[in-house]
Amino acid sequence: MAAVALDPELLAREPDAARRLARLARDAGLLTRGLRDGVALAPPLIINAEQVDIAVTSLATALEAL
């Protein structure tokens, strides 16, 4: 399990940033669980390296779009 927390200054300026990040990640192909200050990831225990790469790329795409 992992999580990505957004910068508190960003959240102060844009209170819906965490919700937008979860939506952008989903649009990029990554399901996350929304948190108050970011998103959580819960990959399966049998995840392989290729799937990790896909998840990281999707999350990077979402963060760049944010």
PDB file of N, CA and C in Angstrom:
ATOM      1  N   MET A   1       0.845  -1.161   0.000  1.00  0.00           N
ATOM      2  CA  MET A   1       0.000   0.000   0.000  1.00  0.00           C
ATOM      3  C   MET A   1       0.900   1.236   0.000  1.00  0.00           C
ATOM      4  N   ALA A   2       0.444   2.244  -0.698  1.00  0.00           N
ATOM      5  CA  ALA A   2       1.207   3.491  -0.781  1.00  0.00           C
ATOM      6  C   ALA A   2       0.226   4.649  -0.884  1.00  0.00           C
ATOM      7  N   ALA A   3       0.738   5.832  -0.645  1.00  0.00           N
ATOM      8  CA  ALA A   3      -0.102   7.027  -0.779  1.00  0.00           C
ATOM      9  C   ALA A   3       0.738   8.167  -1.317  1.00  0.00           C
ATOM     10  N   VAL A   4       0.054   9.103  -1.942  1.00  0.00           N
ATOM     11  CA  VAL A   4       0.679  10.329  -2.428  1.00  0.00           C
ATOM     12  C   VAL A   4      -0.075  11.476  -1.778  1.00  0.00           C
ATOM     13  N   ALA A   5       0.640  12.265  -0.995  1.00  0.00           N
ATOM     14  CA  ALA A   5       0.033  13.433  -0.349  1.00  0.00           C
ATOM     15  C   ALA A   5       0.443  14.678  -1.124  1.00  0.00           C
ATOM     16  N   LEU A   6      -0.524  15.537  -1.348  1.00  0.00           N
ATOM     17  CA  LEU A   6      -0.268  16.780  -2.068  1.00  0.00           C
ATOM     18  C   LEU A   6       0.271  17.849  -1.120  1.00  0.00           C
ATOM     19  N   ASP A   7       0.955  18.809  -1.691  1.00  0.00           N
ATOM     20  CA  ASP A   7       1.526  19.922  -0.939  1.00  0.00           C
ATOM     21  C   ASP A   7       0.408  20.688  -0.225  1.00  0.00           C
ATOM     22  N   PRO A   8       0.555  20.953   1.068  1.00  0.00           N
ATOM     23  CA  PRO A   8      -0.464  21.699   1.805  1.00  0.00           C
ATOM     24  C   PRO A   8      -0.771  23.078   1.203  1.00  0.00           C
ATOM     25  N   GLU A   9       0.226  23.716   0.610  1.00  0.00           N
ATOM     26  CA  GLU A   9      -0.016  25.017  -0.022  1.00  0.00           C
ATOM     27  C   GLU A   9      -0.932  24.871  -1.232  1.00  0.00           C
ATOM     28  N   LEU A  10      -0.747  23.806  -2.004  1.00  0.00           N
ATOM     29  CA  LEU A  10      -1.630  23.535  -3.139  1.00  0.00           C
ATOM     30  C   LEU A  10      -3.056  23.298  -2.643  1.00  0.00           C
ATOM     31  N   LEU A  11      -3.186  22.503  -1.587  1.00  0.00           N
ATOM     32  CA  LEU A  11      -4.515  22.209  -1.053  1.00  0.00           C
ATOM     33  C   LEU A  11      -5.183  23.456  -0.486  1.00  0.00           C
ATOM     34  N   ALA A  12      -4.401  24.375   0.056  1.00  0.00           N
ATOM     35  CA  ALA A  12      -4.980  25.626   0.566  1.00  0.00           C
ATOM     36  C   ALA A  12      -5.518  26.476  -0.586  1.00  0.00           C
ATOM     37  N   ARG A  13      -4.787  26.483  -1.702  1.00  0.00           N
ATOM     38  CA  ARG A  13      -5.218  27.252  -2.883  1.00  0.00           C
ATOM     39  C   ARG A  13      -6.354  26.573  -3.631  1.00  0.00           C
ATOM     40  N   GLU A  14      -6.274  25.233  -3.688  1.00  0.00           N
ATOM     41  CA  GLU A  14      -7.236  24.448  -4.464  1.00  0.00           C
ATOM     42  C   GLU A  14      -7.760  23.298  -3.603  1.00  0.00           C
ATOM     43  N   PRO A  15      -8.784  23.555  -2.798  1.00  0.00           N
ATOM     44  CA  PRO A  15      -9.268  22.535  -1.859  1.00  0.00           C
ATOM     45  C   PRO A  15      -9.732  21.230  -2.513  1.00  0.00           C
ATOM     46  N   ASP A  16     -10.087  21.256  -3.785  1.00  0.00           N
ATOM     47  CA  ASP A  16     -10.541  20.035  -4.454  1.00  0.00           C
ATOM     48  C   ASP A  16      -9.425  19.326  -5.223  1.00  0.00           C
ATOM     49  N   ALA A  17      -8.174  19.697  -4.989  1.00  0.00           N
ATOM     50  CA  ALA A  17      -7.050  19.127  -5.741  1.00  0.00           C
ATOM     51  C   ALA A  17      -6.935  17.612  -5.547  1.00  0.00           C
ATOM     52  N   ALA A  18      -7.154  17.105  -4.349  1.00  0.00           N
ATOM     53  CA  ALA A  18      -7.047  15.666  -4.103  1.00  0.00           C
ATOM     54  C   ALA A  18      -8.128  14.909  -4.883  1.00  0.00           C
ATOM     55  N   ARG A  19      -9.322  15.447  -4.917  1.00  0.00           N
ATOM     56  CA  ARG A  19     -10.412  14.819  -5.664  1.00  0.00           C
ATOM     57  C   ARG A  19     -10.102  14.844  -7.166  1.00  0.00           C
ATOM     58  N   ARG A  20      -9.555  15.954  -7.641  1.00  0.00           N
ATOM     59  CA  ARG A  20      -9.190  16.045  -9.057  1.00  0.00           C
ATOM     60  C   ARG A  20      -8.081  15.071  -9.394  1.00  0.00           C
ATOM     61  N   LEU A  21      -7.115  14.903  -8.476  1.00  0.00           N
ATOM     62  CA  LEU A  21      -6.028  13.947  -8.708  1.00  0.00           C
ATOM     63  C   LEU A  21      -6.585  12.533  -8.850  1.00  0.00           C
ATOM     64  N   ALA A  22      -7.513  12.147  -7.996  1.00  0.00           N
ATOM     65  CA  ALA A  22      -8.114  10.813  -8.087  1.00  0.00           C
ATOM     66  C   ALA A  22      -8.815  10.639  -9.431  1.00  0.00           C
ATOM     67  N   ARG A  23      -9.529  11.660  -9.892  1.00  0.00           N
ATOM     68  CA  ARG A  23     -10.229  11.589 -11.182  1.00  0.00           C
ATOM     69  C   ARG A  23      -9.231  11.510 -12.340  1.00  0.00           C
ATOM     70  N   LEU A  24      -8.182  12.332 -12.271  1.00  0.00           N
ATOM     71  CA  LEU A  24      -7.169  12.314 -13.329  1.00  0.00           C
ATOM     72  C   LEU A  24      -6.436  10.976 -13.384  1.00  0.00           C
ATOM     73  N   ALA A  25      -6.157  10.393 -12.224  1.00  0.00           N
ATOM     74  CA  ALA A  25      -5.505   9.082 -12.184  1.00  0.00           C
ATOM     75  C   ALA A  25      -6.412   8.028 -12.817  1.00  0.00           C
ATOM     76  N   ARG A  26      -7.702   8.083 -12.503  1.00  0.00           N
ATOM     77  CA  ARG A  26      -8.649   7.139 -13.095  1.00  0.00           C
ATOM     78  C   ARG A  26      -8.698   7.314 -14.607  1.00  0.00           C
ATOM     79  N   ASP A  27      -8.711   8.570 -15.055  1.00  0.00           N
ATOM     80  CA  ASP A  27      -8.717   8.837 -16.496  1.00  0.00           C
ATOM     81  C   ASP A  27      -7.456   8.303 -17.172  1.00  0.00           C
ATOM     82  N   ALA A  28      -6.348   8.243 -16.421  1.00  0.00           N
ATOM     83  CA  ALA A  28      -5.083   7.730 -16.956  1.00  0.00           C
ATOM     84  C   ALA A  28      -4.970   6.215 -16.807  1.00  0.00           C
ATOM     85  N   GLY A  29      -6.010   5.570 -16.230  1.00  0.00           N
ATOM     86  CA  GLY A  29      -6.011   4.115 -16.134  1.00  0.00           C
ATOM     87  C   GLY A  29      -5.618   3.548 -14.789  1.00  0.00           C
ATOM     88  N   LEU A  30      -5.565   4.382 -13.747  1.00  0.00           N
ATOM     89  CA  LEU A  30      -5.145   3.923 -12.421  1.00  0.00           C
ATOM     90  C   LEU A  30      -6.252   4.170 -11.413  1.00  0.00           C
ATOM     91  N   LEU A  31      -6.712   3.112 -10.771  1.00  0.00           N
ATOM     92  CA  LEU A  31      -7.712   3.261  -9.721  1.00  0.00           C
ATOM     93  C   LEU A  31      -7.015   3.575  -8.404  1.00  0.00           C
ATOM     94  N   THR A  32      -7.503   4.598  -7.722  1.00  0.00           N
ATOM     95  CA  THR A  32      -6.948   5.005  -6.436  1.00  0.00           C
ATOM     96  C   THR A  32      -8.093   5.164  -5.445  1.00  0.00           C
ATOM     97  N   ARG A  33      -7.728   5.327  -4.188  1.00  0.00           N
ATOM     98  CA  ARG A  33      -8.704   5.657  -3.150  1.00  0.00           C
ATOM     99  C   ARG A  33      -8.417   7.077  -2.732  1.00  0.00           C
ATOM    100  N   GLY A  34      -9.421   7.924  -2.809  1.00  0.00           N
ATOM    101  CA  GLY A  34      -9.235   9.321  -2.462  1.00  0.00           C
ATOM    102  C   GLY A  34      -9.007   9.521  -0.977  1.00  0.00           C
ATOM    103  N   LEU A  35      -8.092  10.402  -0.664  1.00  0.00           N
ATOM    104  CA  LEU A  35      -7.819  10.816   0.705  1.00  0.00           C
ATOM    105  C   LEU A  35      -8.087  12.315   0.813  1.00  0.00           C
ATOM    106  N   ARG A  36      -8.137  12.819   2.010  1.00  0.00           N
ATOM    107  CA  ARG A  36      -8.365  14.245   2.207  1.00  0.00           C
ATOM    108  C   ARG A  36      -7.265  15.078   1.562  1.00  0.00           C
ATOM    109  N   ASP A  37      -6.028  14.555   1.583  1.00  0.00           N
ATOM    110  CA  ASP A  37      -4.895  15.333   1.088  1.00  0.00           C
ATOM    111  C   ASP A  37      -4.146  14.679  -0.069  1.00  0.00           C
ATOM    112  N   GLY A  38      -4.747  13.666  -0.692  1.00  0.00           N
ATOM    113  CA  GLY A  38      -4.078  12.987  -1.798  1.00  0.00           C
ATOM    114  C   GLY A  38      -4.821  11.738  -2.219  1.00  0.00           C
ATOM    115  N   VAL A  39      -4.069  10.718  -2.607  1.00  0.00           N
ATOM    116  CA  VAL A  39      -4.668   9.449  -3.021  1.00  0.00           C
ATOM    117  C   VAL A  39      -3.875   8.282  -2.441  1.00  0.00           C
ATOM    118  N   ALA A  40      -4.555   7.159  -2.265  1.00  0.00           N
ATOM    119  CA  ALA A  40      -3.911   5.931  -1.797  1.00  0.00           C
ATOM    120  C   ALA A  40      -3.951   4.905  -2.917  1.00  0.00           C
ATOM    121  N   LEU A  41      -2.918   4.085  -2.971  1.00  0.00           N
ATOM    122  CA  LEU A  41      -2.805   3.005  -3.947  1.00  0.00           C
ATOM    123  C   LEU A  41      -2.729   1.688  -3.190  1.00  0.00           C
ATOM    124  N   ALA A  42      -3.441   0.688  -3.661  1.00  0.00           N
ATOM    125  CA  ALA A  42      -3.416  -0.620  -3.014  1.00  0.00           C
ATOM    126  C   ALA A  42      -3.269  -1.694  -4.091  1.00  0.00           C
ATOM    127  N   PRO A  43      -2.050  -1.881  -4.595  1.00  0.00           N
ATOM    128  CA  PRO A  43      -1.853  -2.891  -5.639  1.00  0.00           C
ATOM    129  C   PRO A  43      -2.010  -4.302  -5.063  1.00  0.00           C
ATOM    130  N   PRO A  44      -2.325  -5.268  -5.913  1.00  0.00           N
ATOM    131  CA  PRO A  44      -2.431  -6.652  -5.433  1.00  0.00           C
ATOM    132  C   PRO A  44      -1.053  -7.178  -5.013  1.00  0.00           C
ATOM    133  N   LEU A  45      -1.061  -8.174  -4.184  1.00  0.00           N
ATOM    134  CA  LEU A  45       0.205  -8.759  -3.717  1.00  0.00           C
ATOM    135  C   LEU A  45       0.986  -9.437  -4.836  1.00  0.00           C
ATOM    136  N   ILE A  46       0.325  -9.763  -5.925  1.00  0.00           N
ATOM    137  CA  ILE A  46       0.989 -10.469  -7.030  1.00  0.00           C
ATOM    138  C   ILE A  46       1.328  -9.528  -8.189  1.00  0.00           C
ATOM    139  N   ILE A  47       1.470  -8.250  -7.924  1.00  0.00           N
ATOM    140  CA  ILE A  47       1.776  -7.282  -8.974  1.00  0.00           C
ATOM    141  C   ILE A  47       3.175  -7.556  -9.538  1.00  0.00           C
ATOM    142  N   ASN A  48       3.327  -7.351 -10.842  1.00  0.00           N
ATOM    143  CA  ASN A  48       4.641  -7.557 -11.447  1.00  0.00           C
ATOM    144  C   ASN A  48       5.258  -6.207 -11.848  1.00  0.00           C
ATOM    145  N   ALA A  49       6.491  -6.242 -12.271  1.00  0.00           N
ATOM    146  CA  ALA A  49       7.229  -5.012 -12.573  1.00  0.00           C
ATOM    147  C   ALA A  49       6.570  -4.195 -13.683  1.00  0.00           C
ATOM    148  N   GLU A  50       6.051  -4.858 -14.684  1.00  0.00           N
ATOM    149  CA  GLU A  50       5.393  -4.145 -15.778  1.00  0.00           C
ATOM    150  C   GLU A  50       4.156  -3.387 -15.267  1.00  0.00           C
ATOM    151  N   GLN A  51       3.403  -4.013 -14.391  1.00  0.00           N
ATOM    152  CA  GLN A  51       2.216  -3.371 -13.838  1.00  0.00           C
ATOM    153  C   GLN A  51       2.589  -2.186 -12.935  1.00  0.00           C
ATOM    154  N   VAL A  52       3.679  -2.315 -12.213  1.00  0.00           N
ATOM    155  CA  VAL A  52       4.157  -1.205 -11.393  1.00  0.00           C
ATOM    156  C   VAL A  52       4.536  -0.032 -12.297  1.00  0.00           C
ATOM    157  N   ASP A  53       5.221  -0.314 -13.381  1.00  0.00           N
ATOM    158  CA  ASP A  53       5.591   0.740 -14.333  1.00  0.00           C
ATOM    159  C   ASP A  53       4.356   1.453 -14.886  1.00  0.00           C
ATOM    160  N   ILE A  54       3.330   0.692 -15.208  1.00  0.00           N
ATOM    161  CA  ILE A  54       2.090   1.278 -15.720  1.00  0.00           C
ATOM    162  C   ILE A  54       1.459   2.182 -14.665  1.00  0.00           C
ATOM    163  N   ALA A  55       1.416   1.712 -13.428  1.00  0.00           N
ATOM    164  CA  ALA A  55       0.829   2.506 -12.345  1.00  0.00           C
ATOM    165  C   ALA A  55       1.598   3.803 -12.122  1.00  0.00           C
ATOM    166  N   VAL A  56       2.916   3.717 -12.113  1.00  0.00           N
ATOM    167  CA  VAL A  56       3.743   4.905 -11.901  1.00  0.00           C
ATOM    168  C   VAL A  56       3.564   5.893 -13.051  1.00  0.00           C
ATOM    169  N   THR A  57       3.524   5.392 -14.268  1.00  0.00           N
ATOM    170  CA  THR A  57       3.327   6.261 -15.426  1.00  0.00           C
ATOM    171  C   THR A  57       1.956   6.940 -15.375  1.00  0.00           C
ATOM    172  N   SER A  58       0.931   6.199 -15.031  1.00  0.00           N
ATOM    173  CA  SER A  58      -0.413   6.761 -14.913  1.00  0.00           C
ATOM    174  C   SER A  58      -0.479   7.824 -13.830  1.00  0.00           C
ATOM    175  N   LEU A  59       0.146   7.552 -12.694  1.00  0.00           N
ATOM    176  CA  LEU A  59       0.149   8.529 -11.603  1.00  0.00           C
ATOM    177  C   LEU A  59       0.933   9.773 -12.002  1.00  0.00           C
ATOM    178  N   ALA A  60       2.045   9.604 -12.685  1.00  0.00           N
ATOM    179  CA  ALA A  60       2.823  10.762 -13.149  1.00  0.00           C
ATOM    180  C   ALA A  60       2.008  11.597 -14.130  1.00  0.00           C
ATOM    181  N   THR A  61       1.286  10.940 -15.018  1.00  0.00           N
ATOM    182  CA  THR A  61       0.424  11.650 -15.967  1.00  0.00           C
ATOM    183  C   THR A  61      -0.625  12.470 -15.228  1.00  0.00           C
ATOM    184  N   ALA A  62      -1.235  11.868 -14.213  1.00  0.00           N
ATOM    185  CA  ALA A  62      -2.259  12.574 -13.426  1.00  0.00           C
ATOM    186  C   ALA A  62      -1.671  13.757 -12.678  1.00  0.00           C
ATOM    187  N   LEU A  63      -0.498  13.570 -12.083  1.00  0.00           N
ATOM    188  CA  LEU A  63       0.131  14.670 -11.337  1.00  0.00           C
ATOM    189  C   LEU A  63       0.518  15.820 -12.267  1.00  0.00           C
ATOM    190  N   GLU A  64       1.006  15.492 -13.447  1.00  0.00           N
ATOM    191  CA  GLU A  64       1.356  16.543 -14.410  1.00  0.00           C
ATOM    192  C   GLU A  64       0.128  17.316 -14.852  1.00  0.00           C
ATOM    193  N   ALA A  65      -0.994  16.618 -15.007  1.00  0.00           N
ATOM    194  CA  ALA A  65      -2.239  17.268 -15.440  1.00  0.00           C
ATOM    195  C   ALA A  65      -2.856  18.100 -14.333  1.00  0.00           C
ATOM    196  N   LEU A  66      -2.525  17.791 -13.104  1.00  0.00           N
ATOM    197  CA  LEU A  66      -3.073  18.521 -11.966  1.00  0.00           C
ATOM    198  C   LEU A  66      -2.540  19.932 -11.957  1.00  0.00           C
TER     199      LEU A  66
END
